[in-house]
Amino acid sequence: MGKTINQEFDVAAYGCKLKLSEALNASSGGGEKLMHTVQFEVTDKRFVEINGVPYLSADRTAALLF
């Protein structure tokens, strides 16, 4: 679920096999925004839907699958 001041949306991610090696890499110096990069492998044809609408077409999603 995503929400801002004037809009709200649902995001569903299917078959995203997460790789968490860099997800908790934080600088100890302080004063910086904490940012995470989460890598993943796509393993499902549905991939991502926003408000029930596929983010990519079935053809584009199929190209992501090995």
PDB file of N, CA and C in Angstrom:
ATOM      1  N   MET A   1       0.851  -1.163   0.000  1.00  0.00           N
ATOM      2  CA  MET A   1       0.000   0.000   0.000  1.00  0.00           C
ATOM      3  C   MET A   1       0.901   1.230   0.000  1.00  0.00           C
ATOM      4  N   GLY A   2       0.671   2.116  -0.918  1.00  0.00           N
ATOM      5  CA  GLY A   2       1.390   3.376  -0.974  1.00  0.00           C
ATOM      6  C   GLY A   2       0.423   4.516  -0.737  1.00  0.00           C
ATOM      7  N   LYS A   3       0.852   5.543  -0.017  1.00  0.00           N
ATOM      8  CA  LYS A   3      -0.051   6.638   0.290  1.00  0.00           C
ATOM      9  C   LYS A   3       0.737   7.941   0.383  1.00  0.00           C
ATOM     10  N   THR A   4       0.224   8.973  -0.261  1.00  0.00           N
ATOM     11  CA  THR A   4       0.761  10.325  -0.128  1.00  0.00           C
ATOM     12  C   THR A   4      -0.371  11.212   0.382  1.00  0.00           C
ATOM     13  N   ILE A   5      -0.154  12.491   0.411  1.00  0.00           N
ATOM     14  CA  ILE A   5      -1.181  13.406   0.912  1.00  0.00           C
ATOM     15  C   ILE A   5      -2.465  13.311   0.096  1.00  0.00           C
ATOM     16  N   ASN A   6      -2.341  13.193  -1.234  1.00  0.00           N
ATOM     17  CA  ASN A   6      -3.539  13.237  -2.067  1.00  0.00           C
ATOM     18  C   ASN A   6      -3.789  11.993  -2.927  1.00  0.00           C
ATOM     19  N   GLN A   7      -3.058  10.923  -2.708  1.00  0.00           N
ATOM     20  CA  GLN A   7      -3.340   9.708  -3.467  1.00  0.00           C
ATOM     21  C   GLN A   7      -2.941   8.464  -2.689  1.00  0.00           C
ATOM     22  N   GLU A   8      -3.567   7.364  -3.076  1.00  0.00           N
ATOM     23  CA  GLU A   8      -3.318   6.084  -2.429  1.00  0.00           C
ATOM     24  C   GLU A   8      -3.347   4.997  -3.501  1.00  0.00           C
ATOM     25  N   PHE A   9      -2.442   4.024  -3.410  1.00  0.00           N
ATOM     26  CA  PHE A   9      -2.419   2.956  -4.394  1.00  0.00           C
ATOM     27  C   PHE A   9      -1.907   1.672  -3.765  1.00  0.00           C
ATOM     28  N   ASP A  10      -2.324   0.553  -4.366  1.00  0.00           N
ATOM     29  CA  ASP A  10      -1.879  -0.768  -3.932  1.00  0.00           C
ATOM     30  C   ASP A  10      -0.851  -1.297  -4.917  1.00  0.00           C
ATOM     31  N   VAL A  11       0.241  -1.808  -4.406  1.00  0.00           N
ATOM     32  CA  VAL A  11       1.276  -2.415  -5.243  1.00  0.00           C
ATOM     33  C   VAL A  11       1.450  -3.851  -4.783  1.00  0.00           C
ATOM     34  N   ALA A  12       1.381  -4.779  -5.731  1.00  0.00           N
ATOM     35  CA  ALA A  12       1.596  -6.195  -5.439  1.00  0.00           C
ATOM     36  C   ALA A  12       2.763  -6.680  -6.283  1.00  0.00           C
ATOM     37  N   ALA A  13       3.732  -7.326  -5.643  1.00  0.00           N
ATOM     38  CA  ALA A  13       4.882  -7.890  -6.353  1.00  0.00           C
ATOM     39  C   ALA A  13       4.829  -9.404  -6.190  1.00  0.00           C
ATOM     40  N   TYR A  14       4.887 -10.114  -7.307  1.00  0.00           N
ATOM     41  CA  TYR A  14       4.777 -11.577  -7.297  1.00  0.00           C
ATOM     42  C   TYR A  14       6.092 -12.204  -7.746  1.00  0.00           C
ATOM     43  N   GLY A  15       6.483 -13.248  -7.076  1.00  0.00           N
ATOM     44  CA  GLY A  15       7.624 -14.039  -7.511  1.00  0.00           C
ATOM     45  C   GLY A  15       8.931 -13.275  -7.561  1.00  0.00           C
ATOM     46  N   CYS A  16       9.125 -12.333  -6.656  1.00  0.00           N
ATOM     47  CA  CYS A  16      10.379 -11.579  -6.609  1.00  0.00           C
ATOM     48  C   CYS A  16      11.263 -12.219  -5.535  1.00  0.00           C
ATOM     49  N   LYS A  17      12.245 -12.969  -5.970  1.00  0.00           N
ATOM     50  CA  LYS A  17      13.154 -13.657  -5.050  1.00  0.00           C
ATOM     51  C   LYS A  17      14.207 -12.642  -4.612  1.00  0.00           C
ATOM     52  N   LEU A  18      14.134 -12.216  -3.351  1.00  0.00           N
ATOM     53  CA  LEU A  18      14.989 -11.141  -2.851  1.00  0.00           C
ATOM     54  C   LEU A  18      16.418 -11.595  -2.595  1.00  0.00           C
ATOM     55  N   LYS A  19      17.341 -10.652  -2.823  1.00  0.00           N
ATOM     56  CA  LYS A  19      18.752 -10.833  -2.489  1.00  0.00           C
ATOM     57  C   LYS A  19      19.077  -9.725  -1.495  1.00  0.00           C
ATOM     58  N   LEU A  20      19.242 -10.052  -0.230  1.00  0.00           N
ATOM     59  CA  LEU A  20      19.361  -9.049   0.816  1.00  0.00           C
ATOM     60  C   LEU A  20      20.795  -8.697   1.198  1.00  0.00           C
ATOM     61  N   SER A  21      21.762  -8.933   0.366  1.00  0.00           N
ATOM     62  CA  SER A  21      23.155  -8.701   0.730  1.00  0.00           C
ATOM     63  C   SER A  21      23.470  -7.236   1.012  1.00  0.00           C
ATOM     64  N   GLU A  22      22.823  -6.282   0.356  1.00  0.00           N
ATOM     65  CA  GLU A  22      23.109  -4.862   0.561  1.00  0.00           C
ATOM     66  C   GLU A  22      21.981  -4.116   1.268  1.00  0.00           C
ATOM     67  N   ALA A  23      20.944  -4.794   1.681  1.00  0.00           N
ATOM     68  CA  ALA A  23      19.773  -4.119   2.236  1.00  0.00           C
ATOM     69  C   ALA A  23      20.058  -3.427   3.562  1.00  0.00           C
ATOM     70  N   LEU A  24      21.010  -3.918   4.318  1.00  0.00           N
ATOM     71  CA  LEU A  24      21.286  -3.336   5.626  1.00  0.00           C
ATOM     72  C   LEU A  24      22.614  -2.598   5.671  1.00  0.00           C
ATOM     73  N   ASN A  25      23.130  -2.200   4.536  1.00  0.00           N
ATOM     74  CA  ASN A  25      24.395  -1.492   4.460  1.00  0.00           C
ATOM     75  C   ASN A  25      24.165  -0.021   4.773  1.00  0.00           C
ATOM     76  N   ALA A  26      24.495   0.430   5.982  1.00  0.00           N
ATOM     77  CA  ALA A  26      24.261   1.811   6.398  1.00  0.00           C
ATOM     78  C   ALA A  26      25.575   2.441   6.852  1.00  0.00           C
ATOM     79  N   SER A  27      25.754   3.706   6.528  1.00  0.00           N
ATOM     80  CA  SER A  27      26.944   4.441   6.932  1.00  0.00           C
ATOM     81  C   SER A  27      26.833   4.813   8.402  1.00  0.00           C
ATOM     82  N   SER A  28      27.920   4.671   9.141  1.00  0.00           N
ATOM     83  CA  SER A  28      27.903   5.019  10.560  1.00  0.00           C
ATOM     84  C   SER A  28      28.225   6.486  10.793  1.00  0.00           C
ATOM     85  N   GLY A  29      28.553   7.252   9.717  1.00  0.00           N
ATOM     86  CA  GLY A  29      28.932   8.661   9.857  1.00  0.00           C
ATOM     87  C   GLY A  29      27.780   9.577  10.206  1.00  0.00           C
ATOM     88  N   GLY A  30      26.572   9.193   9.898  1.00  0.00           N
ATOM     89  CA  GLY A  30      25.408  10.017  10.209  1.00  0.00           C
ATOM     90  C   GLY A  30      25.245  11.171   9.232  1.00  0.00           C
ATOM     91  N   GLY A  31      24.160  11.876   9.339  1.00  0.00           N
ATOM     92  CA  GLY A  31      23.905  13.032   8.502  1.00  0.00           C
ATOM     93  C   GLY A  31      23.443  12.708   7.096  1.00  0.00           C
ATOM     94  N   GLU A  32      23.289  11.448   6.766  1.00  0.00           N
ATOM     95  CA  GLU A  32      22.849  11.039   5.437  1.00  0.00           C
ATOM     96  C   GLU A  32      21.518  10.323   5.540  1.00  0.00           C
ATOM     97  N   LYS A  33      20.750  10.374   4.455  1.00  0.00           N
ATOM     98  CA  LYS A  33      19.515   9.605   4.408  1.00  0.00           C
ATOM     99  C   LYS A  33      19.854   8.121   4.346  1.00  0.00           C
ATOM    100  N   LEU A  34      19.092   7.333   5.047  1.00  0.00           N
ATOM    101  CA  LEU A  34      19.270   5.889   5.002  1.00  0.00           C
ATOM    102  C   LEU A  34      18.573   5.362   3.761  1.00  0.00           C
ATOM    103  N   MET A  35      19.313   4.754   2.865  1.00  0.00           N
ATOM    104  CA  MET A  35      18.763   4.229   1.624  1.00  0.00           C
ATOM    105  C   MET A  35      19.092   2.753   1.515  1.00  0.00           C
ATOM    106  N   HIS A  36      18.175   2.006   0.931  1.00  0.00           N
ATOM    107  CA  HIS A  36      18.374   0.578   0.737  1.00  0.00           C
ATOM    108  C   HIS A  36      18.208   0.242  -0.737  1.00  0.00           C
ATOM    109  N   THR A  37      19.002  -0.679  -1.204  1.00  0.00           N
ATOM    110  CA  THR A  37      18.831  -1.239  -2.538  1.00  0.00           C
ATOM    111  C   THR A  37      18.552  -2.720  -2.355  1.00  0.00           C
ATOM    112  N   VAL A  38      17.413  -3.154  -2.827  1.00  0.00           N
ATOM    113  CA  VAL A  38      17.043  -4.558  -2.696  1.00  0.00           C
ATOM    114  C   VAL A  38      16.977  -5.148  -4.097  1.00  0.00           C
ATOM    115  N   GLN A  39      17.907  -6.030  -4.397  1.00  0.00           N
ATOM    116  CA  GLN A  39      17.922  -6.701  -5.690  1.00  0.00           C
ATOM    117  C   GLN A  39      17.015  -7.924  -5.625  1.00  0.00           C
ATOM    118  N   PHE A  40      16.516  -8.341  -6.791  1.00  0.00           N
ATOM    119  CA  PHE A  40      15.646  -9.504  -6.831  1.00  0.00           C
ATOM    120  C   PHE A  40      15.687 -10.149  -8.202  1.00  0.00           C
ATOM    121  N   GLU A  41      15.282 -11.406  -8.218  1.00  0.00           N
ATOM    122  CA  GLU A  41      15.086 -12.140  -9.472  1.00  0.00           C
ATOM    123  C   GLU A  41      13.593 -12.342  -9.657  1.00  0.00           C
ATOM    124  N   VAL A  42      13.097 -12.107 -10.865  1.00  0.00           N
ATOM    125  CA  VAL A  42      11.680 -12.279 -11.164  1.00  0.00           C
ATOM    126  C   VAL A  42      11.427 -13.756 -11.464  1.00  0.00           C
ATOM    127  N   THR A  43      10.457 -14.357 -10.748  1.00  0.00           N
ATOM    128  CA  THR A  43      10.165 -15.773 -10.942  1.00  0.00           C
ATOM    129  C   THR A  43       8.691 -16.040 -11.232  1.00  0.00           C
ATOM    130  N   ASP A  44       7.898 -14.998 -11.466  1.00  0.00           N
ATOM    131  CA  ASP A  44       6.465 -15.165 -11.715  1.00  0.00           C
ATOM    132  C   ASP A  44       6.034 -14.263 -12.868  1.00  0.00           C
ATOM    133  N   LYS A  45       5.150 -14.763 -13.734  1.00  0.00           N
ATOM    134  CA  LYS A  45       4.699 -13.994 -14.897  1.00  0.00           C
ATOM    135  C   LYS A  45       3.946 -12.723 -14.516  1.00  0.00           C
ATOM    136  N   ARG A  46       3.350 -12.679 -13.330  1.00  0.00           N
ATOM    137  CA  ARG A  46       2.576 -11.502 -12.934  1.00  0.00           C
ATOM    138  C   ARG A  46       3.481 -10.322 -12.562  1.00  0.00           C
ATOM    139  N   PHE A  47       4.669 -10.556 -12.063  1.00  0.00           N
ATOM    140  CA  PHE A  47       5.674  -9.577 -11.659  1.00  0.00           C
ATOM    141  C   PHE A  47       5.091  -8.507 -10.738  1.00  0.00           C
ATOM    142  N   VAL A  48       4.682  -7.353 -11.241  1.00  0.00           N
ATOM    143  CA  VAL A  48       4.168  -6.263 -10.407  1.00  0.00           C
ATOM    144  C   VAL A  48       2.834  -5.772 -10.961  1.00  0.00           C
ATOM    145  N   GLU A  49       1.889  -5.550 -10.053  1.00  0.00           N
ATOM    146  CA  GLU A  49       0.611  -4.948 -10.419  1.00  0.00           C
ATOM    147  C   GLU A  49       0.393  -3.720  -9.542  1.00  0.00           C
ATOM    148  N   ILE A  50      -0.055  -2.621 -10.141  1.00  0.00           N
ATOM    149  CA  ILE A  50      -0.371  -1.396  -9.413  1.00  0.00           C
ATOM    150  C   ILE A  50      -1.864  -1.158  -9.570  1.00  0.00           C
ATOM    151  N   ASN A  51      -2.572  -1.142  -8.453  1.00  0.00           N
ATOM    152  CA  ASN A  51      -4.035  -1.045  -8.446  1.00  0.00           C
ATOM    153  C   ASN A  51      -4.661  -2.109  -9.346  1.00  0.00           C
ATOM    154  N   GLY A  52      -4.087  -3.305  -9.346  1.00  0.00           N
ATOM    155  CA  GLY A  52      -4.613  -4.419 -10.110  1.00  0.00           C
ATOM    156  C   GLY A  52      -4.246  -4.424 -11.583  1.00  0.00           C
ATOM    157  N   VAL A  53      -3.487  -3.423 -12.033  1.00  0.00           N
ATOM    158  CA  VAL A  53      -3.082  -3.316 -13.438  1.00  0.00           C
ATOM    159  C   VAL A  53      -1.630  -3.763 -13.562  1.00  0.00           C
ATOM    160  N   PRO A  54      -1.314  -4.709 -14.470  1.00  0.00           N
ATOM    161  CA  PRO A  54       0.071  -5.152 -14.639  1.00  0.00           C
ATOM    162  C   PRO A  54       0.999  -4.004 -15.026  1.00  0.00           C
ATOM    163  N   TYR A  55       2.155  -3.943 -14.380  1.00  0.00           N
ATOM    164  CA  TYR A  55       3.146  -2.909 -14.666  1.00  0.00           C
ATOM    165  C   TYR A  55       3.780  -3.127 -16.032  1.00  0.00           C
ATOM    166  N   LEU A  56       4.020  -4.385 -16.400  1.00  0.00           N
ATOM    167  CA  LEU A  56       4.572  -4.745 -17.702  1.00  0.00           C
ATOM    168  C   LEU A  56       3.603  -5.656 -18.429  1.00  0.00           C
ATOM    169  N   SER A  57       3.653  -5.632 -19.750  1.00  0.00           N
ATOM    170  CA  SER A  57       2.831  -6.549 -20.531  1.00  0.00           C
ATOM    171  C   SER A  57       3.337  -7.977 -20.327  1.00  0.00           C
ATOM    172  N   ALA A  58       2.506  -8.951 -20.658  1.00  0.00           N
ATOM    173  CA  ALA A  58       2.890 -10.357 -20.508  1.00  0.00           C
ATOM    174  C   ALA A  58       4.139 -10.676 -21.328  1.00  0.00           C
ATOM    175  N   ASP A  59       4.271 -10.090 -22.520  1.00  0.00           N
ATOM    176  CA  ASP A  59       5.457 -10.329 -23.360  1.00  0.00           C
ATOM    177  C   ASP A  59       6.721  -9.786 -22.705  1.00  0.00           C
ATOM    178  N   ARG A  60       6.638  -8.586 -22.130  1.00  0.00           N
ATOM    179  CA  ARG A  60       7.814  -7.989 -21.483  1.00  0.00           C
ATOM    180  C   ARG A  60       8.185  -8.754 -20.228  1.00  0.00           C
ATOM    181  N   THR A  61       7.184  -9.200 -19.477  1.00  0.00           N
ATOM    182  CA  THR A  61       7.465  -9.971 -18.270  1.00  0.00           C
ATOM    183  C   THR A  61       8.102 -11.308 -18.615  1.00  0.00           C
ATOM    184  N   ALA A  62       7.635 -11.956 -19.669  1.00  0.00           N
ATOM    185  CA  ALA A  62       8.197 -13.237 -20.096  1.00  0.00           C
ATOM    186  C   ALA A  62       9.682 -13.098 -20.441  1.00  0.00           C
ATOM    187  N   ALA A  63      10.086 -11.954 -20.947  1.00  0.00           N
ATOM    188  CA  ALA A  63      11.493 -11.724 -21.292  1.00  0.00           C
ATOM    189  C   ALA A  63      12.359 -11.649 -20.035  1.00  0.00           C
ATOM    190  N   LEU A  64      11.766 -11.320 -18.882  1.00  0.00           N
ATOM    191  CA  LEU A  64      12.529 -11.248 -17.632  1.00  0.00           C
ATOM    192  C   LEU A  64      12.788 -12.618 -17.038  1.00  0.00           C
ATOM    193  N   LEU A  65      11.917 -13.574 -17.357  1.00  0.00           N
ATOM    194  CA  LEU A  65      12.033 -14.917 -16.786  1.00  0.00           C
ATOM    195  C   LEU A  65      13.065 -15.727 -17.567  1.00  0.00           C
ATOM    196  N   PHE A  66      13.791 -16.513 -16.860  1.00  0.00           N
ATOM    197  CA  PHE A  66      14.802 -17.351 -17.509  1.00  0.00           C
ATOM    198  C   PHE A  66      14.250 -18.724 -17.745  1.00  0.00           C
TER     199      PHE A  66
END
